[in-house]
Amino acid sequence: MKAKSLPAYLQQVLEHHVAESQLTPDDELREIFGKLQNLNDKVEMLKNKIKSNREKNLNAV
């Protein structure tokens, strides 16, 4: 099971609140979703870079 990053988890929670009609999907919320997705993409990129660097370091030993 792949762990979710904080931005992905926050987006999931907000989507749940929209589904439960506790939030309305307005322009501000769509902007927040876009920013969370952008942040999540950066987190995933850094996680992959860290994994790659760890593998290189293990293979260098």
PDB file of N, CA and C in Angstrom:
ATOM      1  N   MET A   1       0.844  -1.186   0.000  1.00  0.00           N
ATOM      2  CA  MET A   1       0.000   0.000   0.000  1.00  0.00           C
ATOM      3  C   MET A   1       0.884   1.243   0.000  1.00  0.00           C
ATOM      4  N   LYS A   2       0.629   2.111  -0.905  1.00  0.00           N
ATOM      5  CA  LYS A   2       1.422   3.324  -1.039  1.00  0.00           C
ATOM      6  C   LYS A   2       0.886   4.394  -0.093  1.00  0.00           C
ATOM      7  N   ALA A   3       1.789   5.001   0.666  1.00  0.00           N
ATOM      8  CA  ALA A   3       1.394   6.062   1.595  1.00  0.00           C
ATOM      9  C   ALA A   3       1.087   7.338   0.799  1.00  0.00           C
ATOM     10  N   LYS A   4       0.063   8.039   1.229  1.00  0.00           N
ATOM     11  CA  LYS A   4      -0.304   9.289   0.570  1.00  0.00           C
ATOM     12  C   LYS A   4       0.476  10.443   1.183  1.00  0.00           C
ATOM     13  N   SER A   5       0.807  11.388   0.335  1.00  0.00           N
ATOM     14  CA  SER A   5       1.442  12.607   0.832  1.00  0.00           C
ATOM     15  C   SER A   5       0.370  13.470   1.502  1.00  0.00           C
ATOM     16  N   LEU A   6       0.810  14.398   2.298  1.00  0.00           N
ATOM     17  CA  LEU A   6      -0.120  15.287   2.985  1.00  0.00           C
ATOM     18  C   LEU A   6      -1.003  16.067   2.007  1.00  0.00           C
ATOM     19  N   PRO A   7      -0.460  16.641   0.932  1.00  0.00           N
ATOM     20  CA  PRO A   7      -1.336  17.350  -0.011  1.00  0.00           C
ATOM     21  C   PRO A   7      -2.410  16.434  -0.618  1.00  0.00           C
ATOM     22  N   ALA A   8      -2.047  15.204  -0.949  1.00  0.00           N
ATOM     23  CA  ALA A   8      -3.022  14.269  -1.521  1.00  0.00           C
ATOM     24  C   ALA A   8      -4.089  13.923  -0.499  1.00  0.00           C
ATOM     25  N   TYR A   9      -3.684  13.747   0.752  1.00  0.00           N
ATOM     26  CA  TYR A   9      -4.647  13.442   1.806  1.00  0.00           C
ATOM     27  C   TYR A   9      -5.602  14.625   2.035  1.00  0.00           C
ATOM     28  N   LEU A  10      -5.049  15.829   2.060  1.00  0.00           N
ATOM     29  CA  LEU A  10      -5.896  17.017   2.242  1.00  0.00           C
ATOM     30  C   LEU A  10      -6.913  17.148   1.113  1.00  0.00           C
ATOM     31  N   GLN A  11      -6.486  16.879  -0.116  1.00  0.00           N
ATOM     32  CA  GLN A  11      -7.409  16.960  -1.243  1.00  0.00           C
ATOM     33  C   GLN A  11      -8.504  15.907  -1.096  1.00  0.00           C
ATOM     34  N   GLN A  12      -8.140  14.709  -0.674  1.00  0.00           N
ATOM     35  CA  GLN A  12      -9.135  13.655  -0.477  1.00  0.00           C
ATOM     36  C   GLN A  12     -10.153  14.057   0.585  1.00  0.00           C
ATOM     37  N   VAL A  13      -9.691  14.650   1.670  1.00  0.00           N
ATOM     38  CA  VAL A  13     -10.600  15.079   2.732  1.00  0.00           C
ATOM     39  C   VAL A  13     -11.539  16.175   2.222  1.00  0.00           C
ATOM     40  N   LEU A  14     -11.005  17.130   1.483  1.00  0.00           N
ATOM     41  CA  LEU A  14     -11.853  18.191   0.929  1.00  0.00           C
ATOM     42  C   LEU A  14     -12.880  17.627  -0.046  1.00  0.00           C
ATOM     43  N   GLU A  15     -12.466  16.670  -0.880  1.00  0.00           N
ATOM     44  CA  GLU A  15     -13.406  16.051  -1.812  1.00  0.00           C
ATOM     45  C   GLU A  15     -14.520  15.329  -1.061  1.00  0.00           C
ATOM     46  N   HIS A  16     -14.182  14.708   0.058  1.00  0.00           N
ATOM     47  CA  HIS A  16     -15.194  14.041   0.881  1.00  0.00           C
ATOM     48  C   HIS A  16     -16.202  15.067   1.415  1.00  0.00           C
ATOM     49  N   HIS A  17     -15.711  16.208   1.875  1.00  0.00           N
ATOM     50  CA  HIS A  17     -16.603  17.253   2.386  1.00  0.00           C
ATOM     51  C   HIS A  17     -17.510  17.806   1.282  1.00  0.00           C
ATOM     52  N   VAL A  18     -16.984  17.894   0.066  1.00  0.00           N
ATOM     53  CA  VAL A  18     -17.819  18.329  -1.066  1.00  0.00           C
ATOM     54  C   VAL A  18     -18.892  17.277  -1.328  1.00  0.00           C
ATOM     55  N   ALA A  19     -18.509  15.998  -1.306  1.00  0.00           N
ATOM     56  CA  ALA A  19     -19.461  14.917  -1.554  1.00  0.00           C
ATOM     57  C   ALA A  19     -20.561  14.881  -0.488  1.00  0.00           C
ATOM     58  N   GLU A  20     -20.215  15.279   0.720  1.00  0.00           N
ATOM     59  CA  GLU A  20     -21.192  15.300   1.819  1.00  0.00           C
ATOM     60  C   GLU A  20     -21.961  16.627   1.879  1.00  0.00           C
ATOM     61  N   SER A  21     -21.769  17.466   0.875  1.00  0.00           N
ATOM     62  CA  SER A  21     -22.419  18.777   0.773  1.00  0.00           C
ATOM     63  C   SER A  21     -22.069  19.710   1.935  1.00  0.00           C
ATOM     64  N   GLN A  22     -20.895  19.518   2.498  1.00  0.00           N
ATOM     65  CA  GLN A  22     -20.430  20.411   3.560  1.00  0.00           C
ATOM     66  C   GLN A  22     -19.623  21.574   2.984  1.00  0.00           C
ATOM     67  N   LEU A  23     -19.146  21.408   1.757  1.00  0.00           N
ATOM     68  CA  LEU A  23     -18.446  22.470   1.028  1.00  0.00           C
ATOM     69  C   LEU A  23     -19.037  22.559  -0.371  1.00  0.00           C
ATOM     70  N   THR A  24     -19.001  23.749  -0.929  1.00  0.00           N
ATOM     71  CA  THR A  24     -19.473  23.918  -2.298  1.00  0.00           C
ATOM     72  C   THR A  24     -18.272  24.018  -3.236  1.00  0.00           C
ATOM     73  N   PRO A  25     -18.333  23.350  -4.377  1.00  0.00           N
ATOM     74  CA  PRO A  25     -17.212  23.366  -5.323  1.00  0.00           C
ATOM     75  C   PRO A  25     -17.153  24.673  -6.116  1.00  0.00           C
ATOM     76  N   ASP A  26     -16.687  25.730  -5.467  1.00  0.00           N
ATOM     77  CA  ASP A  26     -16.617  27.034  -6.121  1.00  0.00           C
ATOM     78  C   ASP A  26     -15.212  27.271  -6.683  1.00  0.00           C
ATOM     79  N   ASP A  27     -15.001  28.454  -7.229  1.00  0.00           N
ATOM     80  CA  ASP A  27     -13.712  28.787  -7.848  1.00  0.00           C
ATOM     81  C   ASP A  27     -12.572  28.705  -6.839  1.00  0.00           C
ATOM     82  N   GLU A  28     -12.811  29.176  -5.621  1.00  0.00           N
ATOM     83  CA  GLU A  28     -11.763  29.154  -4.599  1.00  0.00           C
ATOM     84  C   GLU A  28     -11.345  27.718  -4.281  1.00  0.00           C
ATOM     85  N   LEU A  29     -12.302  26.826  -4.167  1.00  0.00           N
ATOM     86  CA  LEU A  29     -11.993  25.433  -3.869  1.00  0.00           C
ATOM     87  C   LEU A  29     -11.256  24.781  -5.039  1.00  0.00           C
ATOM     88  N   ARG A  30     -11.670  25.084  -6.268  1.00  0.00           N
ATOM     89  CA  ARG A  30     -10.962  24.546  -7.441  1.00  0.00           C
ATOM     90  C   ARG A  30      -9.518  25.037  -7.476  1.00  0.00           C
ATOM     91  N   GLU A  31      -9.312  26.281  -7.088  1.00  0.00           N
ATOM     92  CA  GLU A  31      -7.950  26.830  -7.032  1.00  0.00           C
ATOM     93  C   GLU A  31      -7.128  26.089  -5.976  1.00  0.00           C
ATOM     94  N   ILE A  32      -7.743  25.825  -4.844  1.00  0.00           N
ATOM     95  CA  ILE A  32      -7.063  25.079  -3.773  1.00  0.00           C
ATOM     96  C   ILE A  32      -6.711  23.679  -4.264  1.00  0.00           C
ATOM     97  N   PHE A  33      -7.652  23.009  -4.955  1.00  0.00           N
ATOM     98  CA  PHE A  33      -7.375  21.678  -5.499  1.00  0.00           C
ATOM     99  C   PHE A  33      -6.190  21.722  -6.458  1.00  0.00           C
ATOM    100  N   GLY A  34      -6.140  22.735  -7.300  1.00  0.00           N
ATOM    101  CA  GLY A  34      -5.030  22.871  -8.241  1.00  0.00           C
ATOM    102  C   GLY A  34      -3.701  23.050  -7.533  1.00  0.00           C
ATOM    103  N   LYS A  35      -3.698  23.864  -6.494  1.00  0.00           N
ATOM    104  CA  LYS A  35      -2.462  24.096  -5.740  1.00  0.00           C
ATOM    105  C   LYS A  35      -2.046  22.836  -4.982  1.00  0.00           C
ATOM    106  N   LEU A  36      -3.016  22.119  -4.428  1.00  0.00           N
ATOM    107  CA  LEU A  36      -2.693  20.868  -3.739  1.00  0.00           C
ATOM    108  C   LEU A  36      -2.135  19.838  -4.714  1.00  0.00           C
ATOM    109  N   GLN A  37      -2.700  19.777  -5.915  1.00  0.00           N
ATOM    110  CA  GLN A  37      -2.193  18.836  -6.919  1.00  0.00           C
ATOM    111  C   GLN A  37      -0.771  19.197  -7.322  1.00  0.00           C
ATOM    112  N   ASN A  38      -0.513  20.480  -7.514  1.00  0.00           N
ATOM    113  CA  ASN A  38       0.826  20.946  -7.861  1.00  0.00           C
ATOM    114  C   ASN A  38       1.816  20.591  -6.754  1.00  0.00           C
ATOM    115  N   LEU A  39       1.430  20.834  -5.508  1.00  0.00           N
ATOM    116  CA  LEU A  39       2.290  20.520  -4.375  1.00  0.00           C
ATOM    117  C   LEU A  39       2.509  19.013  -4.280  1.00  0.00           C
ATOM    118  N   ASN A  40       1.463  18.229  -4.494  1.00  0.00           N
ATOM    119  CA  ASN A  40       1.596  16.782  -4.449  1.00  0.00           C
ATOM    120  C   ASN A  40       2.554  16.284  -5.540  1.00  0.00           C
ATOM    121  N   ASP A  41       2.464  16.860  -6.726  1.00  0.00           N
ATOM    122  CA  ASP A  41       3.382  16.481  -7.812  1.00  0.00           C
ATOM    123  C   ASP A  41       4.834  16.734  -7.404  1.00  0.00           C
ATOM    124  N   LYS A  42       5.084  17.857  -6.749  1.00  0.00           N
ATOM    125  CA  LYS A  42       6.438  18.187  -6.298  1.00  0.00           C
ATOM    126  C   LYS A  42       6.903  17.221  -5.213  1.00  0.00           C
ATOM    127  N   VAL A  43       6.008  16.873  -4.297  1.00  0.00           N
ATOM    128  CA  VAL A  43       6.347  15.923  -3.229  1.00  0.00           C
ATOM    129  C   VAL A  43       6.709  14.573  -3.841  1.00  0.00           C
ATOM    130  N   GLU A  44       5.896  14.097  -4.785  1.00  0.00           N
ATOM    131  CA  GLU A  44       6.162  12.807  -5.424  1.00  0.00           C
ATOM    132  C   GLU A  44       7.488  12.834  -6.182  1.00  0.00           C
ATOM    133  N   MET A  45       7.785  13.950  -6.848  1.00  0.00           N
ATOM    134  CA  MET A  45       9.042  14.073  -7.574  1.00  0.00           C
ATOM    135  C   MET A  45      10.228  13.996  -6.607  1.00  0.00           C
ATOM    136  N   LEU A  46      10.117  14.678  -5.469  1.00  0.00           N
ATOM    137  CA  LEU A  46      11.197  14.640  -4.493  1.00  0.00           C
ATOM    138  C   LEU A  46      11.343  13.263  -3.865  1.00  0.00           C
ATOM    139  N   LYS A  47      10.232  12.595  -3.598  1.00  0.00           N
ATOM    140  CA  LYS A  47      10.291  11.241  -3.040  1.00  0.00           C
ATOM    141  C   LYS A  47      11.012  10.302  -4.004  1.00  0.00           C
ATOM    142  N   ASN A  48      10.693  10.420  -5.288  1.00  0.00           N
ATOM    143  CA  ASN A  48      11.361   9.582  -6.292  1.00  0.00           C
ATOM    144  C   ASN A  48      12.851   9.897  -6.384  1.00  0.00           C
ATOM    145  N   LYS A  49      13.186  11.166  -6.273  1.00  0.00           N
ATOM    146  CA  LYS A  49      14.596  11.569  -6.325  1.00  0.00           C
ATOM    147  C   LYS A  49      15.352  11.006  -5.119  1.00  0.00           C
ATOM    148  N   ILE A  50      14.741  11.063  -3.946  1.00  0.00           N
ATOM    149  CA  ILE A  50      15.367  10.536  -2.728  1.00  0.00           C
ATOM    150  C   ILE A  50      15.566   9.022  -2.856  1.00  0.00           C
ATOM    151  N   LYS A  51      14.544   8.319  -3.355  1.00  0.00           N
ATOM    152  CA  LYS A  51      14.663   6.864  -3.537  1.00  0.00           C
ATOM    153  C   LYS A  51      15.788   6.537  -4.504  1.00  0.00           C
ATOM    154  N   SER A  52      15.868   7.296  -5.582  1.00  0.00           N
ATOM    155  CA  SER A  52      16.912   7.078  -6.573  1.00  0.00           C
ATOM    156  C   SER A  52      18.293   7.304  -5.973  1.00  0.00           C
ATOM    157  N   ASN A  53      18.443   8.364  -5.204  1.00  0.00           N
ATOM    158  CA  ASN A  53      19.730   8.662  -4.558  1.00  0.00           C
ATOM    159  C   ASN A  53      20.099   7.579  -3.558  1.00  0.00           C
ATOM    160  N   ARG A  54      19.132   7.057  -2.827  1.00  0.00           N
ATOM    161  CA  ARG A  54      19.396   5.979  -1.867  1.00  0.00           C
ATOM    162  C   ARG A  54      19.888   4.739  -2.591  1.00  0.00           C
ATOM    163  N   GLU A  55      19.243   4.411  -3.711  1.00  0.00           N
ATOM    164  CA  GLU A  55      19.658   3.240  -4.486  1.00  0.00           C
ATOM    165  C   GLU A  55      21.079   3.408  -5.027  1.00  0.00           C
ATOM    166  N   LYS A  56      21.396   4.614  -5.497  1.00  0.00           N
ATOM    167  CA  LYS A  56      22.742   4.884  -5.987  1.00  0.00           C
ATOM    168  C   LYS A  56      23.756   4.721  -4.880  1.00  0.00           C
ATOM    169  N   ASN A  57      23.435   5.237  -3.687  1.00  0.00           N
ATOM    170  CA  ASN A  57      24.351   5.143  -2.559  1.00  0.00           C
ATOM    171  C   ASN A  57      24.537   3.706  -2.113  1.00  0.00           C
ATOM    172  N   LEU A  58      23.484   2.907  -2.134  1.00  0.00           N
ATOM    173  CA  LEU A  58      23.592   1.497  -1.762  1.00  0.00           C
ATOM    174  C   LEU A  58      24.420   0.719  -2.773  1.00  0.00           C
ATOM    175  N   ASN A  59      24.265   1.049  -4.055  1.00  0.00           N
ATOM    176  CA  ASN A  59      25.015   0.361  -5.094  1.00  0.00           C
ATOM    177  C   ASN A  59      26.475   0.809  -5.135  1.00  0.00           C
ATOM    178  N   ALA A  60      26.769   1.980  -4.617  1.00  0.00           N
ATOM    179  CA  ALA A  60      28.140   2.498  -4.616  1.00  0.00           C
ATOM    180  C   ALA A  60      28.985   1.863  -3.525  1.00  0.00           C
ATOM    181  N   VAL A  61      28.336   1.278  -2.530  1.00  0.00           N
ATOM    182  CA  VAL A  61      29.064   0.693  -1.386  1.00  0.00           C
ATOM    183  C   VAL A  61      29.630  -0.636  -1.748  1.00  0.00           C
TER     184      VAL A  61
END
